[in-house]
Amino acid sequence: MEHLHHFKLGEDPFRNEPAIKFLFESRQQQEALLRLDRAVRQAKGLCVLIGAVGAGKTMVVRQLLDNLEEEVFEASMLVVLNGAADAAWMLTRFARQLGVEDPPKEREALVAEIYDRLAIIREDGRHAVLIIDDAQTLAEPETLNTVCGLLKLEYEDRRLLTLVLAGTSDLADALAGNPALAHRVDAKVQLAALDPATSAAYILHRVRIAGGGPAVFASDALTALHELAGGIPGLMNTLADNALFEAFLCGRSAVTAVDVERAHRDLSWEASPKSEDAPQVARATPTAPKLHSAPAAALGALDADLDTVFTQSAEAEATVLFDSPRMPDQGPPKDEPDDLFAELLED
């Protein structure tokens, strides 16, 4: 795309996808990974990773999954779509992950199949691990109770499964509101936002991987990105991407704080009270109001710059059109869960 070429970037550096190529191993993510890895290797029961949307939870649990040796673990990962998962859906998907080709529809028979598969894995000398990403969608009490109820399954007095749940604060709230589950949490990890220096290193790392140089973002732009996105990598990606385009429109050779401010204003994050990210940004960036008030005149100047760019472009197009020998003839073509597990175990 033209604006990427303008900054000598070979590809989009700010795609919000968990691409290993752009992996930036911050101290926050490394610590979260180490804590989860330790819990899994000690065969803990319920492990929880909490972080804001865009904090990098998916990348952490994917690294965790990759680090678990196949000869030691039978590990699988489920990504839950909002509104698509209930207790039956989760159990059926997990059964299929364990190799049950035709999972029974009856809950008791389905759990029995899962138990048999987990027991076989244990007899094989391995430990089963189930990782669920976006687990805040399981916050409905029955679904959460059912999934966590799998932790009651034991074989020869040993737990058969480690469950890793990764989600937002909604997941933490759901667990805290259920004392029986809250006391079962063996490891809870909070994925913190990046500090200012790490935020800047994160942005420049992605620019470098995409083929660009450190001069693409001015130092004040890096500060603005951190403050307005609260040090959340996913939010910084979105903001940096839009700021990059703003700078291109104005013909700048580097992104400035004014471009970041303009992009942030257009995204209207603070104007969306229903957005999960907006309150987090407000809490994480107490100095953001100061940043907003300072460049008001600069933003006005930016608007004037953009008006000039588009006016000149329109005039140029008009000149070409009316000076041409003839007008074109035509335009372009149009073109109940706990009792169940207790009964199963007694059997």
Protein backbone atom coordinates (compact mmCIF):
# COMPACT_ATOMS: atom_id res chain seq x y z
CA MET A 1 0.00 0.00 0.00
CA GLU A 2 1.15 3.49 -0.83
CA HIS A 3 1.35 4.82 2.72
CA LEU A 4 3.51 1.87 3.78
CA HIS A 5 5.85 2.43 0.85
CA HIS A 6 6.03 6.11 1.82
CA PHE A 7 7.66 5.08 5.11
CA LYS A 8 9.75 2.38 3.40
CA LEU A 9 7.84 -0.44 5.08
CA GLY A 10 7.72 -3.76 3.29
CA GLU A 11 4.54 -4.89 5.07
CA ASP A 12 1.97 -3.77 7.61
CA PRO A 13 3.75 -3.69 10.99
CA PHE A 14 0.64 -3.22 13.10
CA ARG A 15 -1.68 -6.08 12.15
CA ASN A 16 -3.58 -7.19 15.25
CA GLU A 17 -2.83 -10.86 14.68
CA PRO A 18 -0.82 -13.22 16.92
CA ALA A 19 1.94 -13.58 14.33
CA ILE A 20 5.12 -15.22 15.66
CA LYS A 21 7.16 -13.15 13.20
CA PHE A 22 6.30 -9.97 15.11
CA LEU A 23 6.65 -11.55 18.56
CA PHE A 24 8.05 -9.07 21.07
CA GLU A 25 8.98 -10.84 24.30
CA SER A 26 8.37 -8.17 26.89
CA ARG A 27 9.22 -8.75 30.53
CA GLN A 28 5.48 -8.80 31.31
CA GLN A 29 4.78 -11.58 28.83
CA GLN A 30 7.87 -13.58 29.78
CA GLU A 31 6.89 -13.52 33.47
CA ALA A 32 3.31 -14.56 32.68
CA LEU A 33 4.57 -17.43 30.53
CA LEU A 34 7.01 -18.64 33.21
CA ARG A 35 4.32 -18.62 35.90
CA LEU A 36 1.86 -20.58 33.77
CA ASP A 37 4.52 -23.03 32.58
CA ARG A 38 5.54 -23.74 36.19
CA ALA A 39 1.92 -24.38 37.21
CA VAL A 40 1.29 -26.75 34.30
CA ARG A 41 4.48 -28.73 34.89
CA GLN A 42 3.49 -29.17 38.53
CA ALA A 43 0.14 -30.55 37.32
CA LYS A 44 -1.85 -27.84 39.04
CA GLY A 45 -5.59 -27.80 38.53
CA LEU A 46 -7.04 -24.41 37.59
CA CYS A 47 -4.70 -21.75 36.21
CA VAL A 48 -5.96 -18.32 35.18
CA LEU A 49 -4.42 -15.62 32.98
CA ILE A 50 -6.12 -12.22 33.18
CA GLY A 51 -5.46 -9.23 30.94
CA ALA A 52 -7.15 -6.46 29.00
CA VAL A 53 -8.27 -6.93 25.42
CA GLY A 54 -5.12 -6.58 23.34
CA ALA A 55 -2.71 -7.21 26.23
CA GLY A 56 -1.20 -10.26 24.50
CA LYS A 57 -2.92 -13.17 26.29
CA THR A 58 -3.33 -15.17 23.10
CA MET A 59 0.37 -14.95 22.31
CA VAL A 60 1.26 -16.09 25.85
CA VAL A 61 -1.01 -19.16 25.80
CA ARG A 62 0.14 -20.09 22.29
CA GLN A 63 3.74 -19.98 23.45
CA LEU A 64 2.73 -22.09 26.45
CA LEU A 65 1.11 -24.64 24.15
CA ASP A 66 4.20 -24.76 21.91
CA ASN A 67 6.49 -25.27 24.93
CA LEU A 68 4.66 -28.37 26.20
CA GLU A 69 6.48 -31.46 24.93
CA GLU A 70 4.25 -34.03 23.21
CA GLU A 71 5.95 -36.92 24.99
CA VAL A 72 5.07 -35.37 28.38
CA PHE A 73 1.76 -33.59 27.76
CA GLU A 74 -1.45 -34.11 25.82
CA ALA A 75 -2.19 -30.41 25.33
CA SER A 76 -4.96 -28.78 23.35
CA MET A 77 -6.33 -25.28 22.98
CA LEU A 78 -9.87 -24.04 22.41
CA VAL A 79 -10.81 -20.53 21.31
CA VAL A 80 -14.32 -19.66 22.43
CA LEU A 81 -16.52 -17.38 20.34
CA ASN A 82 -18.75 -15.00 22.24
CA GLY A 83 -22.27 -16.39 22.58
CA ALA A 84 -21.38 -19.67 20.87
CA ALA A 85 -20.36 -21.76 23.87
CA ASP A 86 -22.47 -23.49 26.46
CA ALA A 87 -21.61 -26.44 28.72
CA ALA A 88 -22.58 -29.09 26.15
CA TRP A 89 -20.63 -27.36 23.37
CA MET A 90 -17.48 -27.12 25.49
CA LEU A 91 -17.59 -30.76 26.59
CA THR A 92 -18.23 -31.93 23.02
CA ARG A 93 -15.35 -29.90 21.63
CA PHE A 94 -12.97 -31.14 24.32
CA ALA A 95 -14.05 -34.75 23.69
CA ARG A 96 -13.23 -34.33 20.01
CA GLN A 97 -9.85 -32.83 20.90
CA LEU A 98 -9.18 -36.01 22.90
CA GLY A 99 -10.02 -38.17 19.90
CA VAL A 100 -13.69 -39.05 20.50
CA GLU A 101 -15.00 -39.17 16.94
CA ASP A 102 -18.72 -39.27 17.73
CA PRO A 103 -19.30 -37.68 21.15
CA PRO A 104 -22.60 -38.78 22.75
CA LYS A 105 -25.25 -36.15 23.33
CA GLU A 106 -26.14 -37.29 26.87
CA ARG A 107 -24.09 -35.37 29.41
CA GLU A 108 -23.29 -38.38 31.62
CA ALA A 109 -22.12 -40.52 28.69
CA LEU A 110 -20.08 -37.62 27.31
CA VAL A 111 -18.24 -37.05 30.59
CA ALA A 112 -17.63 -40.80 30.84
CA GLU A 113 -15.96 -40.74 27.39
CA ILE A 114 -13.78 -37.81 28.44
CA TYR A 115 -12.80 -39.61 31.65
CA ASP A 116 -11.83 -42.76 29.73
CA ARG A 117 -9.62 -40.76 27.33
CA LEU A 118 -7.94 -38.85 30.15
CA ALA A 119 -7.28 -42.12 32.02
CA ILE A 120 -5.63 -43.57 28.90
CA ILE A 121 -3.41 -40.49 28.63
CA ARG A 122 -2.39 -40.92 32.28
CA GLU A 123 -1.61 -44.62 31.77
CA ASP A 124 0.55 -43.53 28.85
CA GLY A 125 2.63 -41.49 31.30
CA ARG A 126 1.47 -38.08 30.08
CA HIS A 127 -0.60 -35.28 31.56
CA ALA A 128 -3.60 -33.65 29.86
CA VAL A 129 -3.76 -29.87 29.55
CA LEU A 130 -6.70 -27.88 28.21
CA ILE A 131 -6.13 -24.20 27.38
CA ILE A 132 -9.19 -22.03 26.74
CA ASP A 133 -8.63 -18.59 25.22
CA ASP A 134 -11.21 -15.80 25.49
CA ALA A 135 -12.60 -17.72 28.48
CA GLN A 136 -14.56 -14.70 29.69
CA THR A 137 -17.29 -15.98 27.37
CA LEU A 138 -17.68 -18.92 29.79
CA ALA A 139 -18.65 -16.59 32.63
CA GLU A 140 -22.22 -17.95 32.62
CA PRO A 141 -22.36 -19.94 35.90
CA GLU A 142 -23.48 -23.34 34.55
CA THR A 143 -20.87 -23.37 31.78
CA LEU A 144 -18.04 -22.29 34.07
CA ASN A 145 -19.07 -24.85 36.73
CA THR A 146 -19.22 -27.63 34.17
CA VAL A 147 -15.86 -26.91 32.58
CA CYS A 148 -14.12 -26.49 35.94
CA GLY A 149 -15.93 -29.63 37.15
CA LEU A 150 -13.60 -31.63 34.89
CA LEU A 151 -10.88 -30.92 37.46
CA LYS A 152 -12.65 -33.37 39.82
CA LEU A 153 -11.82 -36.27 37.54
CA GLU A 154 -9.05 -38.33 39.13
CA TYR A 155 -7.28 -41.61 38.37
CA GLU A 156 -5.25 -43.48 41.00
CA ASP A 157 -5.63 -40.50 43.35
CA ARG A 158 -4.16 -38.08 40.84
CA ARG A 159 -5.82 -35.26 38.97
CA LEU A 160 -6.27 -36.04 35.30
CA LEU A 161 -6.34 -32.52 33.88
CA THR A 162 -4.83 -29.06 34.14
CA LEU A 163 -7.14 -26.30 32.95
CA VAL A 164 -5.75 -22.95 31.80
CA LEU A 165 -8.29 -20.15 31.34
CA ALA A 166 -7.21 -16.91 29.62
CA GLY A 167 -9.61 -13.99 29.64
CA THR A 168 -10.44 -10.44 30.59
CA SER A 169 -11.48 -9.02 33.95
CA ASP A 170 -14.97 -10.44 33.32
CA LEU A 171 -13.49 -13.91 33.85
CA ALA A 172 -11.83 -12.79 37.09
CA ASP A 173 -15.13 -11.32 38.29
CA ALA A 174 -17.03 -14.53 37.46
CA LEU A 175 -14.52 -16.65 39.40
CA ALA A 176 -14.49 -14.23 42.34
CA GLY A 177 -18.29 -14.36 42.45
CA ASN A 178 -18.23 -18.15 42.81
CA PRO A 179 -16.41 -18.99 46.09
CA ALA A 180 -16.31 -22.72 45.30
CA LEU A 181 -14.39 -22.01 42.07
CA ALA A 182 -12.35 -19.12 43.44
CA HIS A 183 -10.79 -21.43 46.06
CA ARG A 184 -9.88 -23.92 43.34
CA VAL A 185 -7.62 -21.48 41.49
CA ASP A 186 -4.06 -22.80 41.89
CA ALA A 187 -2.32 -20.07 39.90
CA LYS A 188 -3.54 -16.65 38.85
CA VAL A 189 -1.43 -14.46 36.58
CA GLN A 190 -2.17 -10.83 35.73
CA LEU A 191 -0.74 -9.71 32.39
CA ALA A 192 0.25 -6.10 33.05
CA ALA A 193 0.40 -3.27 30.54
CA LEU A 194 3.77 -2.21 29.14
CA ASP A 195 5.73 0.63 30.73
CA PRO A 196 6.70 3.65 28.58
CA ALA A 197 10.16 2.42 27.63
CA THR A 198 8.87 -1.05 26.72
CA SER A 199 6.00 0.45 24.74
CA ALA A 200 8.48 2.43 22.63
CA ALA A 201 10.67 -0.65 22.13
CA TYR A 202 7.57 -2.64 21.12
CA ILE A 203 6.54 -0.15 18.43
CA LEU A 204 10.04 0.18 17.01
CA HIS A 205 10.49 -3.61 17.04
CA ARG A 206 7.44 -4.05 14.83
CA VAL A 207 8.59 -1.29 12.51
CA ARG A 208 12.01 -2.92 12.17
CA ILE A 209 10.50 -6.36 11.42
CA ALA A 210 8.43 -4.70 8.68
CA GLY A 211 11.58 -3.25 7.11
CA GLY A 212 11.44 0.29 8.46
CA GLY A 213 13.82 2.40 10.52
CA PRO A 214 13.49 3.97 13.97
CA ALA A 215 12.93 7.42 12.48
CA VAL A 216 9.42 6.44 11.31
CA PHE A 217 8.06 7.45 14.74
CA ALA A 218 9.21 10.63 16.47
CA SER A 219 9.88 10.36 20.21
CA ASP A 220 6.80 12.44 21.09
CA ALA A 221 4.68 10.08 18.99
CA LEU A 222 5.98 7.09 20.95
CA THR A 223 5.07 8.85 24.21
CA ALA A 224 1.60 9.67 22.93
CA LEU A 225 1.04 6.08 21.76
CA HIS A 226 1.88 4.73 25.20
CA GLU A 227 -0.27 7.23 27.08
CA LEU A 228 -3.35 7.08 24.88
CA ALA A 229 -3.30 3.27 24.51
CA GLY A 230 -2.46 2.64 28.18
CA GLY A 231 0.52 0.45 27.28
CA ILE A 232 -1.79 -2.22 25.80
CA PRO A 233 -0.06 -3.71 22.74
CA GLY A 234 -3.23 -4.38 20.75
CA LEU A 235 -4.49 -0.84 21.26
CA MET A 236 -1.11 0.59 20.38
CA ASN A 237 -1.20 -1.40 17.14
CA THR A 238 -4.53 0.11 16.16
CA LEU A 239 -3.52 3.63 17.13
CA ALA A 240 -0.10 3.44 15.47
CA ASP A 241 -1.60 2.11 12.26
CA ASN A 242 -4.05 5.01 12.03
CA ALA A 243 -1.41 7.58 13.02
CA LEU A 244 0.86 6.25 10.29
CA PHE A 245 -1.80 6.98 7.72
CA GLU A 246 -2.47 10.45 9.17
CA ALA A 247 1.20 11.32 8.79
CA PHE A 248 1.17 10.03 5.22
CA LEU A 249 -1.81 12.20 4.31
CA CYS A 250 0.10 15.28 5.53
CA GLY A 251 3.24 14.27 3.65
CA ARG A 252 5.35 13.84 6.77
CA SER A 253 8.47 11.70 6.81
CA ALA A 254 7.82 10.67 10.44
CA VAL A 255 4.76 10.17 12.65
CA THR A 256 4.37 12.88 15.28
CA ALA A 257 2.31 13.23 18.46
CA VAL A 258 -0.16 15.36 16.51
CA ASP A 259 -0.83 12.44 14.15
CA VAL A 260 -1.36 10.11 17.12
CA GLU A 261 -3.74 12.63 18.71
CA ARG A 262 -5.74 12.95 15.51
CA ALA A 263 -5.99 9.17 15.12
CA HIS A 264 -7.05 8.79 18.74
CA ARG A 265 -9.71 11.47 18.34
CA ASP A 266 -11.11 9.81 15.23
CA LEU A 267 -11.24 6.39 16.90
CA SER A 268 -13.42 7.94 19.67
CA TRP A 269 -12.30 5.44 22.28
CA GLU A 270 -13.12 7.72 25.20
CA ALA A 271 -16.53 8.47 23.70
CA SER A 272 -17.55 4.80 23.80
CA PRO A 273 -18.60 3.96 27.38
CA LYS A 274 -19.73 0.48 26.32
CA SER A 275 -16.32 -0.33 24.91
CA GLU A 276 -14.29 -2.62 27.18
CA ASP A 277 -11.07 -0.89 26.21
CA ALA A 278 -12.10 2.73 26.78
CA PRO A 279 -12.36 2.58 30.58
CA GLN A 280 -9.08 0.65 30.73
CA VAL A 281 -7.33 3.35 28.74
CA ALA A 282 -8.78 6.03 30.99
CA ARG A 283 -7.63 4.20 34.13
CA ALA A 284 -4.22 3.38 32.72
CA THR A 285 -3.44 6.88 31.47
CA PRO A 286 -4.01 9.49 34.16
CA THR A 287 -1.84 11.94 32.24
CA ALA A 288 -3.82 11.57 29.03
CA PRO A 289 -6.04 14.65 29.61
CA LYS A 290 -2.89 16.82 29.76
CA LEU A 291 -1.80 15.39 26.43
CA HIS A 292 -5.20 16.13 24.92
CA SER A 293 -5.28 19.78 26.00
CA ALA A 294 -1.76 20.65 24.88
CA PRO A 295 -1.91 20.13 21.10
CA ALA A 296 -5.38 21.57 20.42
CA ALA A 297 -3.85 24.25 18.21
CA ALA A 298 -1.63 21.65 16.57
CA LEU A 299 -4.68 19.55 15.75
CA GLY A 300 -6.27 22.59 14.17
CA ALA A 301 -3.14 23.06 12.11
CA LEU A 302 -3.29 19.40 11.09
CA ASP A 303 -6.87 19.85 9.89
CA ALA A 304 -5.70 22.85 7.88
CA ASP A 305 -2.85 20.79 6.43
CA LEU A 306 -5.27 18.10 5.39
CA ASP A 307 -7.64 20.63 3.85
CA THR A 308 -4.72 22.01 1.82
CA VAL A 309 -3.68 18.52 0.68
CA PHE A 310 -7.17 17.61 -0.48
CA THR A 311 -7.79 21.05 -2.06
CA GLN A 312 -4.58 20.87 -4.05
CA SER A 313 -5.40 17.34 -5.10
CA ALA A 314 -8.89 18.35 -6.25
CA GLU A 315 -7.55 21.36 -8.17
CA ALA A 316 -4.97 19.19 -9.89
CA GLU A 317 -7.60 16.68 -10.93
CA ALA A 318 -9.87 19.46 -12.22
CA THR A 319 -7.05 20.92 -14.30
CA VAL A 320 -6.30 17.59 -15.91
CA LEU A 321 -9.98 16.97 -16.58
CA PHE A 322 -10.90 20.27 -18.20
CA ASP A 323 -7.63 20.72 -20.12
CA SER A 324 -7.99 17.33 -21.79
CA PRO A 325 -9.07 17.31 -25.49
CA ARG A 326 -12.45 15.77 -24.74
CA MET A 327 -14.64 14.69 -21.88
CA PRO A 328 -15.03 10.95 -21.33
CA ASP A 329 -18.17 9.52 -22.89
CA GLN A 330 -19.11 7.51 -19.81
CA GLY A 331 -18.00 6.83 -16.29
CA PRO A 332 -16.37 3.70 -14.95
CA PRO A 333 -18.36 0.44 -15.00
CA LYS A 334 -20.64 -0.27 -12.01
CA ASP A 335 -19.85 -2.68 -11.25
CA GLU A 336 -26.49 -29.57 36.86
CA PRO A 337 -22.86 -30.42 36.82
CA ASP A 338 -21.26 -31.17 40.24
CA ASP A 339 -23.75 -33.94 41.10
CA LEU A 340 -23.02 -35.52 37.76
CA PHE A 341 -19.29 -35.71 38.39
CA ALA A 342 -19.83 -37.06 41.91
CA GLU A 343 -22.03 -39.84 40.56
CA LEU A 344 -19.48 -40.61 37.85
CA LEU A 345 -16.64 -40.90 40.31
CA GLU A 346 -18.70 -43.13 42.64
CA ASP A 347 -19.38 -45.43 39.69
